[in-house]
Amino acid sequence: MKWFNLSAIFKEIRKIRWPNRSDLFNNSVQVVIFTAFFALFFFLCQFLVSLCLKFVGVL
């Protein structure tokens, strides 16, 4: 395998764009907001289904 050598590996590693501190912070905030939104969404879905089942008399 011609491409599998240490110099080629290090050459590819130098091409990687590592995130800086502000990018990392912004992405982390987006993930937390996204997770909180879906947690709230699933909680409300469960609440509405439970409310409907109580209204029908199943629970």
N, C-alpha and C. Protein backbone atom coordinates (compact mmCIF):
# COMPACT_ATOMS: atom_id res chain seq x y z
N MET A 1 0.83 -1.18 0.00
CA MET A 1 0.00 0.00 0.00
C MET A 1 0.88 1.24 0.00
N LYS A 2 0.87 1.91 -1.11
CA LYS A 2 1.74 3.06 -1.29
C LYS A 2 1.34 4.25 -0.41
N TRP A 3 0.04 4.44 -0.18
CA TRP A 3 -0.43 5.60 0.58
C TRP A 3 -0.29 5.41 2.07
N PHE A 4 -0.06 4.17 2.52
CA PHE A 4 -0.03 3.89 3.95
C PHE A 4 1.40 3.98 4.47
N ASN A 5 1.85 5.19 4.74
CA ASN A 5 3.14 5.40 5.38
C ASN A 5 3.03 6.60 6.31
N LEU A 6 4.00 6.74 7.18
CA LEU A 6 3.91 7.80 8.20
C LEU A 6 3.90 9.20 7.61
N SER A 7 4.67 9.44 6.59
CA SER A 7 4.70 10.80 6.03
C SER A 7 3.35 11.17 5.42
N ALA A 8 2.69 10.21 4.77
CA ALA A 8 1.36 10.48 4.21
C ALA A 8 0.33 10.71 5.31
N ILE A 9 0.46 9.97 6.39
CA ILE A 9 -0.47 10.15 7.52
C ILE A 9 -0.30 11.53 8.13
N PHE A 10 0.94 11.95 8.37
CA PHE A 10 1.18 13.27 8.94
C PHE A 10 0.75 14.38 7.98
N LYS A 11 0.91 14.15 6.70
CA LYS A 11 0.47 15.13 5.71
C LYS A 11 -1.04 15.31 5.77
N GLU A 12 -1.79 14.22 5.93
CA GLU A 12 -3.24 14.30 6.05
C GLU A 12 -3.66 14.95 7.37
N ILE A 13 -2.93 14.67 8.43
CA ILE A 13 -3.25 15.26 9.73
C ILE A 13 -3.09 16.78 9.67
N ARG A 14 -2.09 17.27 8.93
CA ARG A 14 -1.90 18.73 8.81
C ARG A 14 -3.04 19.39 8.06
N LYS A 15 -3.81 18.64 7.27
CA LYS A 15 -4.93 19.21 6.52
C LYS A 15 -6.18 19.39 7.39
N ILE A 16 -6.18 18.78 8.54
CA ILE A 16 -7.35 18.86 9.42
C ILE A 16 -7.50 20.27 9.95
N ARG A 17 -8.72 20.80 9.90
CA ARG A 17 -9.02 22.11 10.46
C ARG A 17 -9.62 21.90 11.84
N TRP A 18 -8.83 22.13 12.86
CA TRP A 18 -9.31 21.96 14.22
C TRP A 18 -10.12 23.19 14.62
N PRO A 19 -11.21 23.01 15.36
CA PRO A 19 -12.04 24.17 15.74
C PRO A 19 -11.32 25.03 16.78
N ASN A 20 -11.53 26.34 16.66
CA ASN A 20 -10.98 27.22 17.68
C ASN A 20 -11.97 27.31 18.83
N ARG A 21 -11.61 28.07 19.83
CA ARG A 21 -12.40 28.12 21.07
C ARG A 21 -13.82 28.65 20.83
N SER A 22 -13.96 29.68 20.01
CA SER A 22 -15.28 30.27 19.78
C SER A 22 -16.17 29.33 18.97
N ASP A 23 -15.60 28.64 17.97
CA ASP A 23 -16.38 27.66 17.21
C ASP A 23 -16.85 26.53 18.11
N LEU A 24 -15.96 26.06 18.96
CA LEU A 24 -16.31 24.97 19.88
C LEU A 24 -17.41 25.39 20.84
N PHE A 25 -17.32 26.63 21.35
CA PHE A 25 -18.35 27.14 22.26
C PHE A 25 -19.69 27.27 21.55
N ASN A 26 -19.68 27.84 20.34
CA ASN A 26 -20.93 28.01 19.59
C ASN A 26 -21.58 26.67 19.27
N ASN A 27 -20.78 25.71 18.85
CA ASN A 27 -21.33 24.38 18.55
C ASN A 27 -21.88 23.71 19.80
N SER A 28 -21.21 23.88 20.92
CA SER A 28 -21.68 23.29 22.17
C SER A 28 -23.01 23.90 22.59
N VAL A 29 -23.15 25.21 22.45
CA VAL A 29 -24.41 25.88 22.79
C VAL A 29 -25.53 25.40 21.88
N GLN A 30 -25.25 25.22 20.61
CA GLN A 30 -26.26 24.72 19.67
C GLN A 30 -26.71 23.32 20.05
N VAL A 31 -25.79 22.47 20.46
CA VAL A 31 -26.14 21.10 20.85
C VAL A 31 -27.00 21.11 22.11
N VAL A 32 -26.66 21.94 23.07
CA VAL A 32 -27.44 22.00 24.32
C VAL A 32 -28.85 22.52 24.03
N ILE A 33 -28.98 23.54 23.21
CA ILE A 33 -30.31 24.09 22.86
C ILE A 33 -31.12 23.05 22.10
N PHE A 34 -30.51 22.39 21.15
CA PHE A 34 -31.18 21.35 20.35
C PHE A 34 -31.68 20.22 21.26
N THR A 35 -30.83 19.78 22.19
CA THR A 35 -31.20 18.70 23.11
C THR A 35 -32.33 19.14 24.03
N ALA A 36 -32.27 20.35 24.55
CA ALA A 36 -33.32 20.85 25.44
C ALA A 36 -34.64 20.97 24.68
N PHE A 37 -34.60 21.43 23.43
CA PHE A 37 -35.82 21.54 22.63
C PHE A 37 -36.47 20.18 22.45
N PHE A 38 -35.71 19.17 22.10
CA PHE A 38 -36.30 17.86 21.89
C PHE A 38 -36.74 17.21 23.19
N ALA A 39 -36.05 17.48 24.29
CA ALA A 39 -36.50 16.98 25.58
C ALA A 39 -37.86 17.58 25.91
N LEU A 40 -38.04 18.87 25.70
CA LEU A 40 -39.32 19.52 25.93
C LEU A 40 -40.39 18.99 24.98
N PHE A 41 -40.02 18.79 23.72
CA PHE A 41 -40.95 18.27 22.73
C PHE A 41 -41.47 16.89 23.13
N PHE A 42 -40.58 15.98 23.51
CA PHE A 42 -41.02 14.63 23.88
C PHE A 42 -41.79 14.63 25.19
N PHE A 43 -41.44 15.52 26.12
CA PHE A 43 -42.21 15.63 27.35
C PHE A 43 -43.63 16.09 27.05
N LEU A 44 -43.78 17.09 26.19
CA LEU A 44 -45.11 17.58 25.83
C LEU A 44 -45.91 16.52 25.07
N CYS A 45 -45.27 15.77 24.20
CA CYS A 45 -45.95 14.69 23.49
C CYS A 45 -46.47 13.64 24.47
N GLN A 46 -45.63 13.25 25.42
CA GLN A 46 -46.04 12.26 26.41
C GLN A 46 -47.18 12.81 27.26
N PHE A 47 -47.11 14.08 27.63
CA PHE A 47 -48.16 14.69 28.43
C PHE A 47 -49.49 14.71 27.67
N LEU A 48 -49.44 15.09 26.39
CA LEU A 48 -50.67 15.15 25.60
C LEU A 48 -51.28 13.76 25.37
N VAL A 49 -50.47 12.78 25.11
CA VAL A 49 -50.98 11.42 24.94
C VAL A 49 -51.59 10.92 26.24
N SER A 50 -50.94 11.18 27.36
CA SER A 50 -51.47 10.79 28.65
C SER A 50 -52.79 11.48 28.94
N LEU A 51 -52.86 12.76 28.61
CA LEU A 51 -54.10 13.52 28.81
C LEU A 51 -55.23 12.96 27.96
N CYS A 52 -54.94 12.62 26.71
CA CYS A 52 -55.96 12.05 25.83
C CYS A 52 -56.42 10.69 26.33
N LEU A 53 -55.49 9.87 26.80
CA LEU A 53 -55.87 8.55 27.31
C LEU A 53 -56.69 8.65 28.58
N LYS A 54 -56.40 9.64 29.44
CA LYS A 54 -57.22 9.85 30.63
C LYS A 54 -58.61 10.34 30.25
N PHE A 55 -58.69 11.18 29.22
CA PHE A 55 -59.97 11.69 28.77
C PHE A 55 -60.84 10.56 28.22
N VAL A 56 -60.22 9.63 27.50
CA VAL A 56 -60.97 8.51 26.93
C VAL A 56 -61.32 7.49 28.01
N GLY A 57 -60.54 7.41 29.08
CA GLY A 57 -60.83 6.50 30.15
C GLY A 57 -59.93 5.28 30.20
N VAL A 58 -58.87 5.29 29.41
CA VAL A 58 -57.96 4.15 29.41
C VAL A 58 -57.07 4.16 30.63
N LEU A 59 -56.65 5.31 31.07
CA LEU A 59 -55.79 5.40 32.26
C LEU A 59 -56.57 5.83 33.46
